[in-house]
Each structure stands twice: as structure tokens, then as C-alpha cells.
Amino acid sequence: MSEAKSLNQKFEELDKVKEWFYSDDFNLDEATEKYKTAISLAKELQEDLSKLQNEIEILDKDFTK
């Protein structure tokens, strides 16, 4: 069973995909798959950050009571 990726790992992976589009390795045959990977990572990050924001807001409310 594989471990879930951390936020940092997902950001690093997304950054690598982004860099690939600007690299000499870019080719149209792989571009669609790389784009799909980037979109998937971006959606995961958005969900993770939303969850983290909710947790922080809950902790903040508990702390300020």
C-alpha cells in the first residue's frame, strides 16, 4: 500500500510537470498526458488546501474562545 503524498510532494511534482512544458524534452505526443497529470495534481492540492484551511479555522475558533 502506498503512502499518501504530502502537500510539498504534490507541489514539487506539479512544478516538475510545469517545468517539463518549458524544457527541451517537450513534445506534443506527451503533452496531453502531462497536462492531465498537472490538472489532477492541481485539483488534489486545491482540496488539500481547503481541508487545511478548514482545520486552521476550527483551531483558531477553539483557541480564541
PDB file of N, CA and C in Angstrom:
ATOM      1  N   MET A   1       0.844  -1.177   0.000  1.00  0.00           N
ATOM      2  CA  MET A   1       0.000   0.000   0.000  1.00  0.00           C
ATOM      3  C   MET A   1       0.886   1.236   0.000  1.00  0.00           C
ATOM      4  N   SER A   2       0.604   2.203  -0.869  1.00  0.00           N
ATOM      5  CA  SER A   2       1.437   3.393  -0.954  1.00  0.00           C
ATOM      6  C   SER A   2       0.933   4.486  -0.019  1.00  0.00           C
ATOM      7  N   GLU A   3       1.883   5.263   0.450  1.00  0.00           N
ATOM      8  CA  GLU A   3       1.536   6.366   1.333  1.00  0.00           C
ATOM      9  C   GLU A   3       0.970   7.521   0.517  1.00  0.00           C
ATOM     10  N   ALA A   4       0.112   8.297   1.165  1.00  0.00           N
ATOM     11  CA  ALA A   4      -0.414   9.488   0.509  1.00  0.00           C
ATOM     12  C   ALA A   4       0.708  10.508   0.391  1.00  0.00           C
ATOM     13  N   LYS A   5       0.694  11.249  -0.687  1.00  0.00           N
ATOM     14  CA  LYS A   5       1.714  12.265  -0.906  1.00  0.00           C
ATOM     15  C   LYS A   5       1.428  13.479  -0.026  1.00  0.00           C
ATOM     16  N   SER A   6       2.484  14.102   0.451  1.00  0.00           N
ATOM     17  CA  SER A   6       2.339  15.318   1.242  1.00  0.00           C
ATOM     18  C   SER A   6       2.079  16.499   0.300  1.00  0.00           C
ATOM     19  N   LEU A   7       1.662  17.601   0.892  1.00  0.00           N
ATOM     20  CA  LEU A   7       1.458  18.819   0.099  1.00  0.00           C
ATOM     21  C   LEU A   7       2.745  19.199  -0.634  1.00  0.00           C
ATOM     22  N   ASN A   8       3.851  19.150   0.074  1.00  0.00           N
ATOM     23  CA  ASN A   8       5.129  19.519  -0.543  1.00  0.00           C
ATOM     24  C   ASN A   8       5.463  18.609  -1.717  1.00  0.00           C
ATOM     25  N   GLN A   9       5.221  17.315  -1.557  1.00  0.00           N
ATOM     26  CA  GLN A   9       5.497  16.384  -2.655  1.00  0.00           C
ATOM     27  C   GLN A   9       4.624  16.691  -3.865  1.00  0.00           C
ATOM     28  N   LYS A  10       3.367  17.004  -3.622  1.00  0.00           N
ATOM     29  CA  LYS A  10       2.460  17.326  -4.728  1.00  0.00           C
ATOM     30  C   LYS A  10       2.877  18.618  -5.422  1.00  0.00           C
ATOM     31  N   PHE A  11       3.271  19.632  -4.630  1.00  0.00           N
ATOM     32  CA  PHE A  11       3.733  20.883  -5.227  1.00  0.00           C
ATOM     33  C   PHE A  11       5.000  20.655  -6.049  1.00  0.00           C
ATOM     34  N   GLU A  12       5.914  19.843  -5.529  1.00  0.00           N
ATOM     35  CA  GLU A  12       7.143  19.547  -6.261  1.00  0.00           C
ATOM     36  C   GLU A  12       6.847  18.808  -7.563  1.00  0.00           C
ATOM     37  N   GLU A  13       5.937  17.850  -7.494  1.00  0.00           N
ATOM     38  CA  GLU A  13       5.575  17.098  -8.699  1.00  0.00           C
ATOM     39  C   GLU A  13       4.913  18.016  -9.729  1.00  0.00           C
ATOM     40  N   LEU A  14       4.029  18.885  -9.264  1.00  0.00           N
ATOM     41  CA  LEU A  14       3.377  19.828 -10.176  1.00  0.00           C
ATOM     42  C   LEU A  14       4.406  20.768 -10.796  1.00  0.00           C
ATOM     43  N   ASP A  15       5.368  21.208 -10.005  1.00  0.00           N
ATOM     44  CA  ASP A  15       6.416  22.091 -10.505  1.00  0.00           C
ATOM     45  C   ASP A  15       7.257  21.384 -11.573  1.00  0.00           C
ATOM     46  N   LYS A  16       7.546  20.100 -11.374  1.00  0.00           N
ATOM     47  CA  LYS A  16       8.313  19.338 -12.359  1.00  0.00           C
ATOM     48  C   LYS A  16       7.546  19.214 -13.670  1.00  0.00           C
ATOM     49  N   VAL A  17       6.245  18.979 -13.565  1.00  0.00           N
ATOM     50  CA  VAL A  17       5.425  18.884 -14.777  1.00  0.00           C
ATOM     51  C   VAL A  17       5.413  20.230 -15.498  1.00  0.00           C
ATOM     52  N   LYS A  18       5.248  21.299 -14.731  1.00  0.00           N
ATOM     53  CA  LYS A  18       5.246  22.647 -15.327  1.00  0.00           C
ATOM     54  C   LYS A  18       6.570  22.923 -16.037  1.00  0.00           C
ATOM     55  N   GLU A  19       7.674  22.583 -15.380  1.00  0.00           N
ATOM     56  CA  GLU A  19       8.993  22.806 -15.968  1.00  0.00           C
ATOM     57  C   GLU A  19       9.168  22.009 -17.256  1.00  0.00           C
ATOM     58  N   TRP A  20       8.569  20.812 -17.297  1.00  0.00           N
ATOM     59  CA  TRP A  20       8.685  19.977 -18.489  1.00  0.00           C
ATOM     60  C   TRP A  20       8.137  20.710 -19.720  1.00  0.00           C
ATOM     61  N   PHE A  21       7.054  21.455 -19.550  1.00  0.00           N
ATOM     62  CA  PHE A  21       6.460  22.168 -20.678  1.00  0.00           C
ATOM     63  C   PHE A  21       7.401  23.218 -21.256  1.00  0.00           C
ATOM     64  N   TYR A  22       8.333  23.711 -20.463  1.00  0.00           N
ATOM     65  CA  TYR A  22       9.285  24.724 -20.908  1.00  0.00           C
ATOM     66  C   TYR A  22      10.646  24.138 -21.252  1.00  0.00           C
ATOM     67  N   SER A  23      10.795  22.833 -21.124  1.00  0.00           N
ATOM     68  CA  SER A  23      12.089  22.191 -21.329  1.00  0.00           C
ATOM     69  C   SER A  23      12.273  21.763 -22.783  1.00  0.00           C
ATOM     70  N   ASP A  24      13.499  21.356 -23.071  1.00  0.00           N
ATOM     71  CA  ASP A  24      13.808  20.819 -24.399  1.00  0.00           C
ATOM     72  C   ASP A  24      13.190  19.442 -24.614  1.00  0.00           C
ATOM     73  N   ASP A  25      12.737  18.794 -23.517  1.00  0.00           N
ATOM     74  CA  ASP A  25      12.115  17.476 -23.617  1.00  0.00           C
ATOM     75  C   ASP A  25      10.659  17.535 -24.075  1.00  0.00           C
ATOM     76  N   PHE A  26      10.090  18.732 -24.137  1.00  0.00           N
ATOM     77  CA  PHE A  26       8.680  18.886 -24.510  1.00  0.00           C
ATOM     78  C   PHE A  26       8.421  18.275 -25.885  1.00  0.00           C
ATOM     79  N   ASN A  27       7.313  17.533 -25.963  1.00  0.00           N
ATOM     80  CA  ASN A  27       6.838  17.066 -27.266  1.00  0.00           C
ATOM     81  C   ASN A  27       5.319  16.935 -27.193  1.00  0.00           C
ATOM     82  N   LEU A  28       4.696  17.131 -28.322  1.00  0.00           N
ATOM     83  CA  LEU A  28       3.236  17.136 -28.376  1.00  0.00           C
ATOM     84  C   LEU A  28       2.613  15.796 -28.039  1.00  0.00           C
ATOM     85  N   ASP A  29       3.323  14.719 -28.313  1.00  0.00           N
ATOM     86  CA  ASP A  29       2.778  13.390 -28.031  1.00  0.00           C
ATOM     87  C   ASP A  29       2.546  13.175 -26.541  1.00  0.00           C
ATOM     88  N   GLU A  30       3.404  13.726 -25.705  1.00  0.00           N
ATOM     89  CA  GLU A  30       3.276  13.559 -24.264  1.00  0.00           C
ATOM     90  C   GLU A  30       2.526  14.699 -23.586  1.00  0.00           C
ATOM     91  N   ALA A  31       2.319  15.787 -24.282  1.00  0.00           N
ATOM     92  CA  ALA A  31       1.758  16.995 -23.672  1.00  0.00           C
ATOM     93  C   ALA A  31       0.375  16.762 -23.055  1.00  0.00           C
ATOM     94  N   THR A  32      -0.477  16.013 -23.714  1.00  0.00           N
ATOM     95  CA  THR A  32      -1.827  15.786 -23.192  1.00  0.00           C
ATOM     96  C   THR A  32      -1.781  15.044 -21.862  1.00  0.00           C
ATOM     97  N   GLU A  33      -0.976  14.008 -21.781  1.00  0.00           N
ATOM     98  CA  GLU A  33      -0.870  13.243 -20.532  1.00  0.00           C
ATOM     99  C   GLU A  33      -0.269  14.090 -19.420  1.00  0.00           C
ATOM    100  N   LYS A  34       0.744  14.871 -19.739  1.00  0.00           N
ATOM    101  CA  LYS A  34       1.365  15.743 -18.740  1.00  0.00           C
ATOM    102  C   LYS A  34       0.354  16.785 -18.255  1.00  0.00           C
ATOM    103  N   TYR A  35      -0.437  17.305 -19.179  1.00  0.00           N
ATOM    104  CA  TYR A  35      -1.454  18.296 -18.815  1.00  0.00           C
ATOM    105  C   TYR A  35      -2.494  17.668 -17.890  1.00  0.00           C
ATOM    106  N   LYS A  36      -2.932  16.457 -18.202  1.00  0.00           N
ATOM    107  CA  LYS A  36      -3.891  15.751 -17.347  1.00  0.00           C
ATOM    108  C   LYS A  36      -3.314  15.530 -15.954  1.00  0.00           C
ATOM    109  N   THR A  37      -2.044  15.164 -15.900  1.00  0.00           N
ATOM    110  CA  THR A  37      -1.377  14.972 -14.611  1.00  0.00           C
ATOM    111  C   THR A  37      -1.360  16.281 -13.823  1.00  0.00           C
ATOM    112  N   ALA A  38      -1.031  17.370 -14.482  1.00  0.00           N
ATOM    113  CA  ALA A  38      -0.980  18.678 -13.829  1.00  0.00           C
ATOM    114  C   ALA A  38      -2.350  19.084 -13.304  1.00  0.00           C
ATOM    115  N   ILE A  39      -3.386  18.869 -14.077  1.00  0.00           N
ATOM    116  CA  ILE A  39      -4.745  19.218 -13.659  1.00  0.00           C
ATOM    117  C   ILE A  39      -5.153  18.378 -12.447  1.00  0.00           C
ATOM    118  N   SER A  40      -4.840  17.105 -12.480  1.00  0.00           N
ATOM    119  CA  SER A  40      -5.170  16.218 -11.362  1.00  0.00           C
ATOM    120  C   SER A  40      -4.452  16.655 -10.087  1.00  0.00           C
ATOM    121  N   LEU A  41      -3.173  16.954 -10.204  1.00  0.00           N
ATOM    122  CA  LEU A  41      -2.411  17.428  -9.050  1.00  0.00           C
ATOM    123  C   LEU A  41      -2.968  18.748  -8.523  1.00  0.00           C
ATOM    124  N   ALA A  42      -3.308  19.651  -9.417  1.00  0.00           N
ATOM    125  CA  ALA A  42      -3.853  20.950  -9.007  1.00  0.00           C
ATOM    126  C   ALA A  42      -5.169  20.775  -8.252  1.00  0.00           C
ATOM    127  N   LYS A  43      -6.005  19.866  -8.720  1.00  0.00           N
ATOM    128  CA  LYS A  43      -7.279  19.605  -8.031  1.00  0.00           C
ATOM    129  C   LYS A  43      -7.043  19.000  -6.650  1.00  0.00           C
ATOM    130  N   GLU A  44      -6.108  18.057  -6.563  1.00  0.00           N
ATOM    131  CA  GLU A  44      -5.779  17.457  -5.270  1.00  0.00           C
ATOM    132  C   GLU A  44      -5.260  18.514  -4.305  1.00  0.00           C
ATOM    133  N   LEU A  45      -4.387  19.376  -4.801  1.00  0.00           N
ATOM    134  CA  LEU A  45      -3.833  20.430  -3.957  1.00  0.00           C
ATOM    135  C   LEU A  45      -4.915  21.392  -3.497  1.00  0.00           C
ATOM    136  N   GLN A  46      -5.817  21.727  -4.379  1.00  0.00           N
ATOM    137  CA  GLN A  46      -6.910  22.626  -4.019  1.00  0.00           C
ATOM    138  C   GLN A  46      -7.758  22.006  -2.902  1.00  0.00           C
ATOM    139  N   GLU A  47      -8.075  20.732  -3.024  1.00  0.00           N
ATOM    140  CA  GLU A  47      -8.852  20.037  -1.991  1.00  0.00           C
ATOM    141  C   GLU A  47      -8.078  19.965  -0.674  1.00  0.00           C
ATOM    142  N   ASP A  48      -6.792  19.611  -0.764  1.00  0.00           N
ATOM    143  CA  ASP A  48      -5.961  19.521   0.443  1.00  0.00           C
ATOM    144  C   ASP A  48      -5.860  20.864   1.152  1.00  0.00           C
ATOM    145  N   LEU A  49      -5.665  21.923   0.381  1.00  0.00           N
ATOM    146  CA  LEU A  49      -5.536  23.251   0.978  1.00  0.00           C
ATOM    147  C   LEU A  49      -6.857  23.720   1.581  1.00  0.00           C
ATOM    148  N   SER A  50      -7.961  23.355   0.965  1.00  0.00           N
ATOM    149  CA  SER A  50      -9.269  23.699   1.512  1.00  0.00           C
ATOM    150  C   SER A  50      -9.489  22.997   2.849  1.00  0.00           C
ATOM    151  N   LYS A  51      -9.128  21.719   2.914  1.00  0.00           N
ATOM    152  CA  LYS A  51      -9.240  20.967   4.164  1.00  0.00           C
ATOM    153  C   LYS A  51      -8.348  21.575   5.239  1.00  0.00           C
ATOM    154  N   LEU A  52      -7.148  21.934   4.853  1.00  0.00           N
ATOM    155  CA  LEU A  52      -6.212  22.536   5.798  1.00  0.00           C
ATOM    156  C   LEU A  52      -6.743  23.878   6.308  1.00  0.00           C
ATOM    157  N   GLN A  53      -7.310  24.661   5.415  1.00  0.00           N
ATOM    158  CA  GLN A  53      -7.891  25.938   5.812  1.00  0.00           C
ATOM    159  C   GLN A  53      -9.022  25.729   6.814  1.00  0.00           C
ATOM    160  N   ASN A  54      -9.879  24.749   6.561  1.00  0.00           N
ATOM    161  CA  ASN A  54     -10.970  24.445   7.487  1.00  0.00           C
ATOM    162  C   ASN A  54     -10.434  24.030   8.858  1.00  0.00           C
ATOM    163  N   GLU A  55      -9.402  23.202   8.864  1.00  0.00           N
ATOM    164  CA  GLU A  55      -8.815  22.773  10.134  1.00  0.00           C
ATOM    165  C   GLU A  55      -8.243  23.965  10.901  1.00  0.00           C
ATOM    166  N   ILE A  56      -7.582  24.855  10.187  1.00  0.00           N
ATOM    167  CA  ILE A  56      -6.997  26.038  10.831  1.00  0.00           C
ATOM    168  C   ILE A  56      -8.093  26.933  11.396  1.00  0.00           C
ATOM    169  N   GLU A  57      -9.163  27.099  10.641  1.00  0.00           N
ATOM    170  CA  GLU A  57     -10.274  27.923  11.121  1.00  0.00           C
ATOM    171  C   GLU A  57     -10.902  27.321  12.376  1.00  0.00           C
ATOM    172  N   ILE A  58     -11.042  26.005  12.416  1.00  0.00           N
ATOM    173  CA  ILE A  58     -11.595  25.334  13.598  1.00  0.00           C
ATOM    174  C   ILE A  58     -10.660  25.522  14.787  1.00  0.00           C
ATOM    175  N   LEU A  59      -9.373  25.313  14.568  1.00  0.00           N
ATOM    176  CA  LEU A  59      -8.408  25.501  15.646  1.00  0.00           C
ATOM    177  C   LEU A  59      -8.380  26.949  16.129  1.00  0.00           C
ATOM    178  N   ASP A  60      -8.501  27.870  15.198  1.00  0.00           N
ATOM    179  CA  ASP A  60      -8.490  29.293  15.558  1.00  0.00           C
ATOM    180  C   ASP A  60      -9.701  29.634  16.422  1.00  0.00           C
ATOM    181  N   LYS A  61     -10.869  29.084  16.057  1.00  0.00           N
ATOM    182  CA  LYS A  61     -12.076  29.340  16.849  1.00  0.00           C
ATOM    183  C   LYS A  61     -11.931  28.753  18.255  1.00  0.00           C
ATOM    184  N   ASP A  62     -11.373  27.540  18.330  1.00  0.00           N
ATOM    185  CA  ASP A  62     -11.146  26.908  19.639  1.00  0.00           C
ATOM    186  C   ASP A  62     -10.147  27.704  20.466  1.00  0.00           C
ATOM    187  N   PHE A  63      -9.138  28.227  19.831  1.00  0.00           N
ATOM    188  CA  PHE A  63      -8.082  28.956  20.535  1.00  0.00           C
ATOM    189  C   PHE A  63      -8.564  30.311  21.029  1.00  0.00           C
ATOM    190  N   THR A  64      -9.447  30.956  20.274  1.00  0.00           N
ATOM    191  CA  THR A  64      -9.890  32.302  20.636  1.00  0.00           C
ATOM    192  C   THR A  64     -11.065  32.313  21.607  1.00  0.00           C
ATOM    193  N   LYS A  65     -11.529  31.152  22.023  1.00  0.00           N
ATOM    194  CA  LYS A  65     -12.657  31.083  22.973  1.00  0.00           C
ATOM    195  C   LYS A  65     -12.221  31.510  24.338  1.00  0.00           C
TER     196      LYS A  65
END
